[in-house]
Amino acid sequence: SGRKKNMTVSNYFFPKVASASTKRYQLFCILPIILFYVQPTSVIAFAPFDKVRRDFLALTRKATTRHILLPKSTSAGGYEAALLLKQKIRNKVNDRNAFVVDVFSSAAKRFSIDAETAERGGLLGEMVPQGYCICPELDRACFEVPL
């Protein structure tokens, strides 16, 4: 009775479990979870886990997207008009403490030339996966452009 109990990793995490095979199974199940959430100290050692995490996020990524379609203009004035509209929306949000979605929706109804989405406040779709938008530039903007 004076002997010290041998303290293994599985005994430390699961002290009340009697069977050794149950301990191994529980440790096997919990180890991937720990590795997924622990910040890696060595990028090379955890690169496969990071790749799996990034692939999973890319495959399950969804977005709710709104847009304002303005007339195409090759002059600098068209680009400046779009920037001015963006600044007006930002100023309304900041000045009135309004929700971005509400202000953007009203601007889309007023300024967008896309009749189908303008009446819905520029809404393209709610929680749509990547590849949903027909236009590749718009799809790329929904999922790859930093906000």
N, C-alpha and C. Protein backbone atom coordinates (compact mmCIF):
# COMPACT_ATOMS: atom_id res chain seq x y z
N SER A 1 0.82 -1.20 0.00
CA SER A 1 0.00 0.00 0.00
C SER A 1 0.86 1.25 0.00
N GLY A 2 2.19 1.10 0.21
CA GLY A 2 3.07 2.24 0.21
C GLY A 2 3.63 2.53 -1.17
N ARG A 3 3.19 1.76 -2.18
CA ARG A 3 3.68 1.97 -3.54
C ARG A 3 2.97 3.14 -4.18
N LYS A 4 3.70 3.91 -4.94
CA LYS A 4 3.10 5.01 -5.69
C LYS A 4 2.44 4.46 -6.93
N LYS A 5 1.31 5.04 -7.27
CA LYS A 5 0.60 4.61 -8.48
C LYS A 5 1.35 5.17 -9.69
N ASN A 6 1.51 4.35 -10.71
CA ASN A 6 2.18 4.77 -11.93
C ASN A 6 1.29 5.77 -12.65
N MET A 7 1.72 7.02 -12.81
CA MET A 7 0.90 8.08 -13.41
C MET A 7 1.27 8.22 -14.88
N THR A 8 0.39 7.73 -15.75
CA THR A 8 0.58 7.86 -17.19
C THR A 8 -0.31 8.98 -17.70
N VAL A 9 -0.16 9.30 -18.98
CA VAL A 9 -0.98 10.35 -19.59
C VAL A 9 -2.45 9.98 -19.52
N SER A 10 -2.76 8.72 -19.84
CA SER A 10 -4.17 8.32 -19.82
C SER A 10 -4.73 8.32 -18.40
N ASN A 11 -3.91 7.96 -17.38
CA ASN A 11 -4.38 8.05 -16.00
C ASN A 11 -4.60 9.49 -15.58
N TYR A 12 -3.76 10.38 -16.08
CA TYR A 12 -3.90 11.79 -15.73
C TYR A 12 -5.20 12.37 -16.29
N PHE A 13 -5.50 12.07 -17.57
CA PHE A 13 -6.71 12.62 -18.19
C PHE A 13 -7.97 11.86 -17.80
N PHE A 14 -7.87 10.55 -17.60
CA PHE A 14 -9.04 9.71 -17.33
C PHE A 14 -8.78 8.84 -16.10
N PRO A 15 -8.70 9.41 -14.90
CA PRO A 15 -8.32 8.62 -13.73
C PRO A 15 -9.37 7.60 -13.30
N LYS A 16 -10.63 7.81 -13.59
CA LYS A 16 -11.68 6.93 -13.09
C LYS A 16 -12.05 5.82 -14.06
N VAL A 17 -11.45 5.80 -15.23
CA VAL A 17 -11.75 4.77 -16.22
C VAL A 17 -10.93 3.53 -15.88
N ALA A 18 -11.58 2.38 -15.83
CA ALA A 18 -10.91 1.17 -15.39
C ALA A 18 -10.12 0.49 -16.51
N SER A 19 -10.70 0.35 -17.65
CA SER A 19 -10.10 -0.44 -18.73
C SER A 19 -9.02 0.34 -19.46
N ALA A 20 -7.91 -0.34 -19.75
CA ALA A 20 -6.81 0.30 -20.48
C ALA A 20 -7.21 0.57 -21.93
N SER A 21 -7.99 -0.32 -22.54
CA SER A 21 -8.41 -0.09 -23.92
C SER A 21 -9.36 1.10 -24.02
N THR A 22 -10.19 1.30 -23.01
CA THR A 22 -11.09 2.46 -22.99
C THR A 22 -10.28 3.74 -22.86
N LYS A 23 -9.23 3.70 -22.04
CA LYS A 23 -8.37 4.88 -21.89
C LYS A 23 -7.71 5.24 -23.21
N ARG A 24 -7.18 4.21 -23.91
CA ARG A 24 -6.53 4.46 -25.19
C ARG A 24 -7.52 5.04 -26.20
N TYR A 25 -8.72 4.49 -26.22
CA TYR A 25 -9.75 4.96 -27.15
C TYR A 25 -10.11 6.42 -26.86
N GLN A 26 -10.30 6.76 -25.57
CA GLN A 26 -10.66 8.13 -25.21
C GLN A 26 -9.52 9.09 -25.53
N LEU A 27 -8.30 8.67 -25.28
CA LEU A 27 -7.15 9.52 -25.59
C LEU A 27 -7.02 9.70 -27.10
N PHE A 28 -7.27 8.64 -27.85
CA PHE A 28 -7.23 8.71 -29.31
C PHE A 28 -8.28 9.68 -29.84
N CYS A 29 -9.45 9.72 -29.21
CA CYS A 29 -10.52 10.62 -29.64
C CYS A 29 -10.24 12.06 -29.25
N ILE A 30 -9.62 12.26 -28.10
CA ILE A 30 -9.41 13.63 -27.62
C ILE A 30 -8.17 14.26 -28.21
N LEU A 31 -7.17 13.47 -28.59
CA LEU A 31 -5.91 14.00 -29.11
C LEU A 31 -6.09 14.85 -30.36
N PRO A 32 -6.88 14.42 -31.38
CA PRO A 32 -7.06 15.29 -32.55
C PRO A 32 -7.73 16.62 -32.19
N ILE A 33 -8.64 16.60 -31.24
CA ILE A 33 -9.30 17.84 -30.82
C ILE A 33 -8.29 18.78 -30.19
N ILE A 34 -7.44 18.25 -29.33
CA ILE A 34 -6.41 19.07 -28.69
C ILE A 34 -5.47 19.64 -29.75
N LEU A 35 -5.04 18.81 -30.69
CA LEU A 35 -4.12 19.27 -31.73
C LEU A 35 -4.76 20.31 -32.64
N PHE A 36 -6.07 20.21 -32.86
CA PHE A 36 -6.76 21.16 -33.73
C PHE A 36 -6.85 22.54 -33.08
N TYR A 37 -7.03 22.58 -31.76
CA TYR A 37 -7.24 23.86 -31.09
C TYR A 37 -5.98 24.45 -30.48
N VAL A 38 -4.93 23.67 -30.29
CA VAL A 38 -3.70 24.19 -29.72
C VAL A 38 -2.96 24.98 -30.78
N GLN A 39 -2.45 26.14 -30.40
CA GLN A 39 -1.66 26.94 -31.33
C GLN A 39 -0.32 26.24 -31.56
N PRO A 40 0.05 26.00 -32.80
CA PRO A 40 1.29 25.27 -33.06
C PRO A 40 2.52 26.09 -32.70
N THR A 41 3.51 25.40 -32.12
CA THR A 41 4.78 26.08 -31.83
C THR A 41 5.73 25.95 -33.00
N SER A 42 5.56 24.92 -33.77
CA SER A 42 6.37 24.72 -34.96
C SER A 42 5.45 24.61 -36.16
N VAL A 43 5.60 25.50 -37.09
CA VAL A 43 4.73 25.52 -38.26
C VAL A 43 4.91 24.26 -39.09
N ILE A 44 6.12 23.78 -39.20
CA ILE A 44 6.39 22.60 -40.01
C ILE A 44 5.71 21.37 -39.42
N ALA A 45 5.74 21.22 -38.11
CA ALA A 45 5.16 20.04 -37.47
C ALA A 45 3.64 20.00 -37.61
N PHE A 46 2.98 21.16 -37.63
CA PHE A 46 1.53 21.20 -37.67
C PHE A 46 0.97 21.61 -39.03
N ALA A 47 1.81 21.66 -40.05
CA ALA A 47 1.35 22.08 -41.38
C ALA A 47 0.22 21.22 -41.92
N PRO A 48 0.24 19.90 -41.78
CA PRO A 48 -0.88 19.10 -42.30
C PRO A 48 -2.20 19.44 -41.61
N PHE A 49 -2.17 19.68 -40.29
CA PHE A 49 -3.39 20.02 -39.57
C PHE A 49 -3.91 21.38 -40.01
N ASP A 50 -3.00 22.32 -40.25
CA ASP A 50 -3.41 23.65 -40.70
C ASP A 50 -4.03 23.58 -42.09
N LYS A 51 -3.47 22.76 -42.95
CA LYS A 51 -4.02 22.60 -44.30
C LYS A 51 -5.42 22.00 -44.24
N VAL A 52 -5.62 21.00 -43.40
CA VAL A 52 -6.95 20.39 -43.25
C VAL A 52 -7.94 21.42 -42.73
N ARG A 53 -7.53 22.23 -41.75
CA ARG A 53 -8.41 23.26 -41.19
C ARG A 53 -8.78 24.28 -42.26
N ARG A 54 -7.79 24.74 -43.04
CA ARG A 54 -8.06 25.72 -44.09
C ARG A 54 -8.96 25.14 -45.19
N ASP A 55 -8.73 23.88 -45.55
CA ASP A 55 -9.58 23.24 -46.56
C ASP A 55 -11.01 23.10 -46.06
N PHE A 56 -11.17 22.72 -44.80
CA PHE A 56 -12.51 22.59 -44.23
C PHE A 56 -13.24 23.93 -44.24
N LEU A 57 -12.54 24.99 -43.83
CA LEU A 57 -13.16 26.32 -43.82
C LEU A 57 -13.52 26.77 -45.24
N ALA A 58 -12.67 26.47 -46.20
CA ALA A 58 -12.94 26.87 -47.59
C ALA A 58 -14.15 26.13 -48.15
N LEU A 59 -14.30 24.86 -47.79
CA LEU A 59 -15.41 24.07 -48.32
C LEU A 59 -16.74 24.39 -47.65
N THR A 60 -16.71 24.88 -46.43
CA THR A 60 -17.96 25.14 -45.70
C THR A 60 -18.27 26.62 -45.57
N ARG A 61 -17.49 27.47 -46.20
CA ARG A 61 -17.67 28.92 -46.10
C ARG A 61 -18.95 29.35 -46.80
N LYS A 62 -19.71 30.23 -46.15
CA LYS A 62 -20.94 30.77 -46.73
C LYS A 62 -20.99 32.26 -46.45
N ALA A 63 -21.74 32.99 -47.29
CA ALA A 63 -21.82 34.44 -47.11
C ALA A 63 -23.21 34.93 -47.46
N THR A 64 -23.64 35.96 -46.75
CA THR A 64 -24.84 36.69 -47.12
C THR A 64 -24.35 37.94 -47.84
N THR A 65 -24.78 38.11 -49.08
CA THR A 65 -24.17 39.12 -49.93
C THR A 65 -25.20 40.08 -50.49
N ARG A 66 -24.85 41.37 -50.45
CA ARG A 66 -25.65 42.43 -51.06
C ARG A 66 -24.73 43.21 -52.00
N HIS A 67 -25.32 43.82 -53.04
CA HIS A 67 -24.50 44.60 -53.96
C HIS A 67 -25.32 45.75 -54.54
N ILE A 68 -24.60 46.73 -55.06
CA ILE A 68 -25.20 47.84 -55.80
C ILE A 68 -24.53 47.83 -57.16
N LEU A 69 -25.33 47.63 -58.21
CA LEU A 69 -24.80 47.61 -59.57
C LEU A 69 -24.97 49.00 -60.17
N LEU A 70 -23.84 49.62 -60.48
CA LEU A 70 -23.84 50.96 -61.08
C LEU A 70 -23.55 50.83 -62.57
N PRO A 71 -23.95 51.83 -63.37
CA PRO A 71 -23.65 51.78 -64.81
C PRO A 71 -22.14 51.72 -65.05
N LYS A 72 -21.73 50.94 -66.04
CA LYS A 72 -20.31 50.81 -66.35
C LYS A 72 -19.81 52.11 -66.96
N SER A 73 -18.68 52.55 -66.45
CA SER A 73 -18.08 53.78 -66.94
C SER A 73 -16.58 53.58 -67.07
N THR A 74 -16.05 53.94 -68.21
CA THR A 74 -14.61 53.81 -68.42
C THR A 74 -13.85 55.04 -67.95
N SER A 75 -14.56 56.11 -67.70
CA SER A 75 -13.89 57.34 -67.27
C SER A 75 -13.61 57.28 -65.77
N ALA A 76 -12.75 58.18 -65.34
CA ALA A 76 -12.42 58.27 -63.92
C ALA A 76 -13.61 58.76 -63.11
N GLY A 77 -14.53 59.47 -63.75
CA GLY A 77 -15.71 59.99 -63.06
C GLY A 77 -16.62 58.88 -62.55
N GLY A 78 -16.72 57.77 -63.29
CA GLY A 78 -17.54 56.64 -62.85
C GLY A 78 -16.98 55.98 -61.60
N TYR A 79 -15.66 55.83 -61.57
CA TYR A 79 -15.00 55.25 -60.40
C TYR A 79 -15.16 56.17 -59.19
N GLU A 80 -15.01 57.47 -59.41
CA GLU A 80 -15.16 58.43 -58.32
C GLU A 80 -16.59 58.48 -57.81
N ALA A 81 -17.57 58.31 -58.71
CA ALA A 81 -18.98 58.28 -58.29
C ALA A 81 -19.25 57.08 -57.39
N ALA A 82 -18.65 55.94 -57.72
CA ALA A 82 -18.81 54.74 -56.88
C ALA A 82 -18.17 54.95 -55.51
N LEU A 83 -16.99 55.56 -55.49
CA LEU A 83 -16.34 55.85 -54.21
C LEU A 83 -17.14 56.85 -53.38
N LEU A 84 -17.74 57.84 -54.05
CA LEU A 84 -18.56 58.82 -53.36
C LEU A 84 -19.80 58.16 -52.74
N LEU A 85 -20.43 57.25 -53.47
CA LEU A 85 -21.59 56.53 -52.93
C LEU A 85 -21.18 55.69 -51.73
N LYS A 86 -20.05 55.03 -51.82
CA LYS A 86 -19.54 54.23 -50.70
C LYS A 86 -19.30 55.11 -49.47
N GLN A 87 -18.74 56.29 -49.68
CA GLN A 87 -18.48 57.21 -48.57
C GLN A 87 -19.79 57.74 -47.97
N LYS A 88 -20.80 57.99 -48.81
CA LYS A 88 -22.10 58.45 -48.31
C LYS A 88 -22.74 57.39 -47.41
N ILE A 89 -22.65 56.14 -47.85
CA ILE A 89 -23.20 55.04 -47.04
C ILE A 89 -22.47 54.97 -45.70
N ARG A 90 -21.15 55.04 -45.74
CA ARG A 90 -20.35 54.99 -44.51
C ARG A 90 -20.69 56.16 -43.58
N ASN A 91 -20.85 57.37 -44.14
CA ASN A 91 -21.17 58.54 -43.33
C ASN A 91 -22.55 58.42 -42.68
N LYS A 92 -23.53 57.88 -43.42
CA LYS A 92 -24.87 57.70 -42.85
C LYS A 92 -24.84 56.72 -41.68
N VAL A 93 -24.07 55.68 -41.83
CA VAL A 93 -23.95 54.70 -40.74
C VAL A 93 -23.31 55.34 -39.52
N ASN A 94 -22.24 56.10 -39.71
CA ASN A 94 -21.54 56.72 -38.59
C ASN A 94 -22.33 57.85 -37.96
N ASP A 95 -22.99 58.69 -38.77
CA ASP A 95 -23.70 59.86 -38.24
C ASP A 95 -24.99 59.49 -37.52
N ARG A 96 -25.70 58.51 -38.02
CA ARG A 96 -27.01 58.17 -37.46
C ARG A 96 -26.98 56.96 -36.53
N ASN A 97 -25.83 56.36 -36.36
CA ASN A 97 -25.73 55.11 -35.61
C ASN A 97 -26.70 54.07 -36.15
N ALA A 98 -26.83 54.02 -37.46
CA ALA A 98 -27.74 53.09 -38.12
C ALA A 98 -27.01 51.79 -38.44
N PHE A 99 -27.78 50.76 -38.72
CA PHE A 99 -27.20 49.49 -39.12
C PHE A 99 -26.73 49.57 -40.56
N VAL A 100 -25.59 48.99 -40.84
CA VAL A 100 -25.01 49.02 -42.18
C VAL A 100 -25.97 48.39 -43.19
N VAL A 101 -26.61 47.29 -42.81
CA VAL A 101 -27.51 46.59 -43.72
C VAL A 101 -28.67 47.48 -44.13
N ASP A 102 -29.24 48.22 -43.18
CA ASP A 102 -30.38 49.09 -43.48
C ASP A 102 -29.99 50.22 -44.43
N VAL A 103 -28.87 50.86 -44.17
CA VAL A 103 -28.41 51.97 -45.01
C VAL A 103 -28.03 51.46 -46.40
N PHE A 104 -27.32 50.34 -46.44
CA PHE A 104 -26.92 49.77 -47.73
C PHE A 104 -28.14 49.34 -48.53
N SER A 105 -29.12 48.76 -47.86
CA SER A 105 -30.34 48.31 -48.53
C SER A 105 -31.09 49.47 -49.17
N SER A 106 -31.22 50.57 -48.44
CA SER A 106 -31.92 51.74 -49.00
C SER A 106 -31.13 52.34 -50.17
N ALA A 107 -29.80 52.34 -50.08
CA ALA A 107 -28.98 52.86 -51.18
C ALA A 107 -29.09 51.95 -52.41
N ALA A 108 -29.16 50.64 -52.19
CA ALA A 108 -29.30 49.71 -53.32
C ALA A 108 -30.65 49.90 -54.01
N LYS A 109 -31.69 50.11 -53.23
CA LYS A 109 -33.02 50.33 -53.82
C LYS A 109 -33.03 51.61 -54.66
N ARG A 110 -32.27 52.58 -54.24
CA ARG A 110 -32.28 53.88 -54.91
C ARG A 110 -31.32 53.95 -56.10
N PHE A 111 -30.12 53.37 -55.98
CA PHE A 111 -29.08 53.60 -56.99
C PHE A 111 -28.77 52.41 -57.89
N SER A 112 -29.11 51.19 -57.51
CA SER A 112 -28.72 50.02 -58.29
C SER A 112 -29.51 49.91 -59.58
N ILE A 113 -28.83 49.54 -60.67
CA ILE A 113 -29.53 49.35 -61.95
C ILE A 113 -29.94 47.89 -62.15
N ASP A 114 -29.61 47.03 -61.20
CA ASP A 114 -30.04 45.63 -61.24
C ASP A 114 -31.45 45.57 -60.64
N ALA A 115 -32.47 45.55 -61.52
CA ALA A 115 -33.86 45.64 -61.07
C ALA A 115 -34.26 44.46 -60.17
N GLU A 116 -33.73 43.29 -60.44
CA GLU A 116 -34.11 42.10 -59.67
C GLU A 116 -33.67 42.18 -58.22
N THR A 117 -32.42 42.58 -57.99
CA THR A 117 -31.92 42.63 -56.61
C THR A 117 -32.16 43.97 -55.95
N ALA A 118 -32.38 45.02 -56.73
CA ALA A 118 -32.59 46.35 -56.15
C ALA A 118 -33.83 46.37 -55.26
N GLU A 119 -34.88 45.71 -55.68
CA GLU A 119 -36.11 45.71 -54.88
C GLU A 119 -35.94 44.93 -53.58
N ARG A 120 -34.94 44.05 -53.52
CA ARG A 120 -34.63 43.31 -52.28
C ARG A 120 -33.48 43.97 -51.51
N GLY A 121 -33.15 45.19 -51.84
CA GLY A 121 -32.07 45.89 -51.16
C GLY A 121 -30.70 45.40 -51.57
N GLY A 122 -30.57 44.91 -52.80
CA GLY A 122 -29.28 44.45 -53.30
C GLY A 122 -28.92 43.04 -52.86
N LEU A 123 -29.85 42.33 -52.23
CA LEU A 123 -29.56 40.99 -51.70
C LEU A 123 -29.38 39.98 -52.82
N LEU A 124 -28.19 39.38 -52.87
CA LEU A 124 -27.91 38.31 -53.83
C LEU A 124 -28.32 36.96 -53.27
N GLY A 125 -28.10 36.75 -51.99
CA GLY A 125 -28.45 35.49 -51.35
C GLY A 125 -28.03 35.47 -49.90
N GLU A 126 -28.73 34.66 -49.11
CA GLU A 126 -28.40 34.52 -47.70
C GLU A 126 -27.71 33.19 -47.47
N MET A 127 -26.53 33.24 -46.86
CA MET A 127 -25.75 32.06 -46.52
C MET A 127 -25.55 31.13 -47.72
N VAL A 128 -25.09 31.70 -48.80
CA VAL A 128 -24.84 30.93 -50.02
C VAL A 128 -23.39 30.45 -50.04
N PRO A 129 -23.14 29.26 -50.61
CA PRO A 129 -21.77 28.75 -50.68
C PRO A 129 -20.98 29.41 -51.81
N GLN A 130 -19.68 29.25 -51.75
CA GLN A 130 -18.82 29.78 -52.81
C GLN A 130 -19.15 29.07 -54.11
N GLY A 131 -19.21 29.83 -55.21
CA GLY A 131 -19.58 29.28 -56.50
C GLY A 131 -21.05 29.51 -56.84
N TYR A 132 -21.81 30.10 -55.92
CA TYR A 132 -23.24 30.35 -56.12
C TYR A 132 -23.47 31.45 -57.16
N CYS A 133 -22.66 32.51 -57.10
CA CYS A 133 -22.82 33.63 -58.02
C CYS A 133 -22.33 33.22 -59.41
N ILE A 134 -23.08 33.60 -60.43
CA ILE A 134 -22.73 33.25 -61.80
C ILE A 134 -21.46 33.98 -62.25
N CYS A 135 -21.36 35.24 -61.88
CA CYS A 135 -20.21 36.06 -62.28
C CYS A 135 -19.00 35.72 -61.40
N PRO A 136 -17.90 35.25 -61.98
CA PRO A 136 -16.74 34.86 -61.17
C PRO A 136 -16.12 36.02 -60.39
N GLU A 137 -16.17 37.23 -60.95
CA GLU A 137 -15.61 38.39 -60.24
C GLU A 137 -16.41 38.68 -58.98
N LEU A 138 -17.73 38.57 -59.08
CA LEU A 138 -18.59 38.81 -57.93
C LEU A 138 -18.41 37.71 -56.89
N ASP A 139 -18.29 36.48 -57.33
CA ASP A 139 -18.08 35.37 -56.41
C ASP A 139 -16.75 35.53 -55.67
N ARG A 140 -15.72 35.94 -56.39
CA ARG A 140 -14.41 36.18 -55.78
C ARG A 140 -14.50 37.31 -54.76
N ALA A 141 -15.25 38.36 -55.09
CA ALA A 141 -15.40 39.49 -54.17
C ALA A 141 -16.12 39.07 -52.89
N CYS A 142 -17.06 38.15 -53.01
CA CYS A 142 -17.82 37.70 -51.84
C CYS A 142 -16.96 36.90 -50.87
N PHE A 143 -15.99 36.16 -51.36
CA PHE A 143 -15.26 35.22 -50.51
C PHE A 143 -13.78 35.48 -50.36
N GLU A 144 -13.17 36.29 -51.21
CA GLU A 144 -11.73 36.45 -51.14
C GLU A 144 -11.27 37.85 -50.76
N VAL A 145 -12.13 38.84 -50.92
CA VAL A 145 -11.73 40.21 -50.63
C VAL A 145 -11.82 40.44 -49.13
N PRO A 146 -10.75 40.95 -48.50
CA PRO A 146 -10.82 41.23 -47.06
C PRO A 146 -11.79 42.37 -46.78
N LEU A 147 -12.52 42.23 -45.69
CA LEU A 147 -13.50 43.27 -45.33
C LEU A 147 -12.86 44.37 -44.53
